[in-house]
Amino acid sequence: MIKAWLIAVVMTNQVDVYVFEKPSFDTAPQCIEWVNINPQAWVPPVMEAFPNGSIDMVYCIKKEKLEEVLPEFRKQEEQEKGEYIKA
């Protein structure tokens, strides 16, 4: 089975988004549990990327849906540049 659930962290400015492609998950509950149990694994890289920002929301989202709501995600995969950071 392809792991299709990713973590997307949206900053309070509603513009900056940090997308984690690893780890990825088979289900939303697995993703949510990991996010809740492991903040030490995902908060530091987000804050390093956006040192003057603060986290507004963390989403567990299917990759296909992420590509739909953030078209730049697909473009960045193709071009490796954009307005958000993926890791």
Protein backbone atom coordinates (compact mmCIF):
# COMPACT_ATOMS: atom_id res chain seq x y z
CA MET A 1 0.00 0.00 0.00
CA ILE A 2 1.24 3.45 -0.90
CA LYS A 3 1.47 5.75 2.07
CA ALA A 4 -0.54 8.74 1.00
CA TRP A 5 -1.02 10.83 4.17
CA LEU A 6 1.40 13.72 4.70
CA ILE A 7 1.83 16.38 7.38
CA ALA A 8 1.28 20.02 6.38
CA VAL A 9 2.03 22.79 8.89
CA VAL A 10 0.43 26.17 8.18
CA MET A 11 1.91 29.27 9.78
CA THR A 12 -0.21 32.09 11.22
CA ASN A 13 0.36 34.32 8.20
CA GLN A 14 -1.66 31.72 6.20
CA VAL A 15 0.96 31.92 3.44
CA ASP A 16 3.88 29.85 4.68
CA VAL A 17 3.40 26.09 4.64
CA TYR A 18 5.85 23.38 5.62
CA VAL A 19 5.10 19.94 4.14
CA PHE A 20 6.65 16.78 5.53
CA GLU A 21 6.83 13.98 2.97
CA LYS A 22 8.62 11.76 5.49
CA PRO A 23 7.25 10.25 7.52
CA SER A 24 4.13 9.43 5.55
CA PHE A 25 1.23 7.34 6.75
CA ASP A 26 -1.35 4.82 5.58
CA THR A 27 -4.23 6.42 7.49
CA ALA A 28 -5.23 9.77 8.98
CA PRO A 29 -5.38 8.36 12.55
CA GLN A 30 -1.79 7.11 12.25
CA CYS A 31 -0.68 10.54 11.09
CA ILE A 32 -2.58 12.38 13.83
CA GLU A 33 -1.19 10.07 16.50
CA TRP A 34 2.37 10.58 15.27
CA VAL A 35 1.97 14.39 15.19
CA ASN A 36 0.61 14.41 18.75
CA ILE A 37 3.24 12.06 20.17
CA ASN A 38 6.30 13.46 18.35
CA PRO A 39 6.30 17.28 18.39
CA GLN A 40 10.06 17.18 18.99
CA ALA A 41 10.44 15.64 15.52
CA TRP A 42 8.44 18.19 13.53
CA VAL A 43 8.33 21.50 15.44
CA PRO A 44 12.09 22.31 15.32
CA PRO A 45 12.46 22.06 11.52
CA VAL A 46 9.35 24.18 11.02
CA MET A 47 10.58 26.88 13.41
CA GLU A 48 14.04 26.78 11.83
CA ALA A 49 12.48 27.34 8.40
CA PHE A 50 10.18 30.13 9.65
CA PRO A 51 12.03 31.62 12.67
CA ASN A 52 9.79 34.68 12.93
CA GLY A 53 6.56 32.77 12.48
CA SER A 54 4.26 30.78 14.66
CA ILE A 55 2.30 27.65 13.89
CA ASP A 56 -1.40 28.11 13.21
CA MET A 57 -2.54 24.61 12.25
CA VAL A 58 -1.17 21.15 11.55
CA TYR A 59 -2.98 19.02 8.99
CA CYS A 60 -2.77 15.37 8.09
CA ILE A 61 -3.77 15.43 4.45
CA LYS A 62 -3.76 13.06 1.52
CA LYS A 63 -1.06 13.89 -1.00
CA GLU A 64 -3.64 14.15 -3.79
CA LYS A 65 -5.71 16.64 -1.79
CA LEU A 66 -2.59 18.65 -0.95
CA GLU A 67 -1.80 18.91 -4.66
CA GLU A 68 -5.36 20.11 -5.22
CA VAL A 69 -5.38 22.82 -2.53
CA LEU A 70 -1.73 23.79 -2.99
CA PRO A 71 -1.01 23.63 -6.73
CA GLU A 72 2.48 24.90 -5.95
CA PHE A 73 3.20 21.54 -4.30
CA ARG A 74 3.04 19.73 -7.63
CA LYS A 75 4.95 22.51 -9.38
CA GLN A 76 7.69 22.41 -6.75
CA GLU A 77 8.08 18.68 -7.21
CA GLU A 78 8.69 19.40 -10.87
CA GLN A 79 10.82 22.56 -10.47
CA GLU A 80 12.15 22.40 -6.89
CA LYS A 81 11.22 26.00 -6.11
CA GLY A 82 8.18 27.69 -4.66
CA GLU A 83 6.63 29.58 -1.78
CA TYR A 84 6.62 26.78 0.73
CA ILE A 85 9.05 24.28 2.10
CA LYS A 86 8.77 20.55 1.90
CA ALA A 87 10.93 18.09 3.78
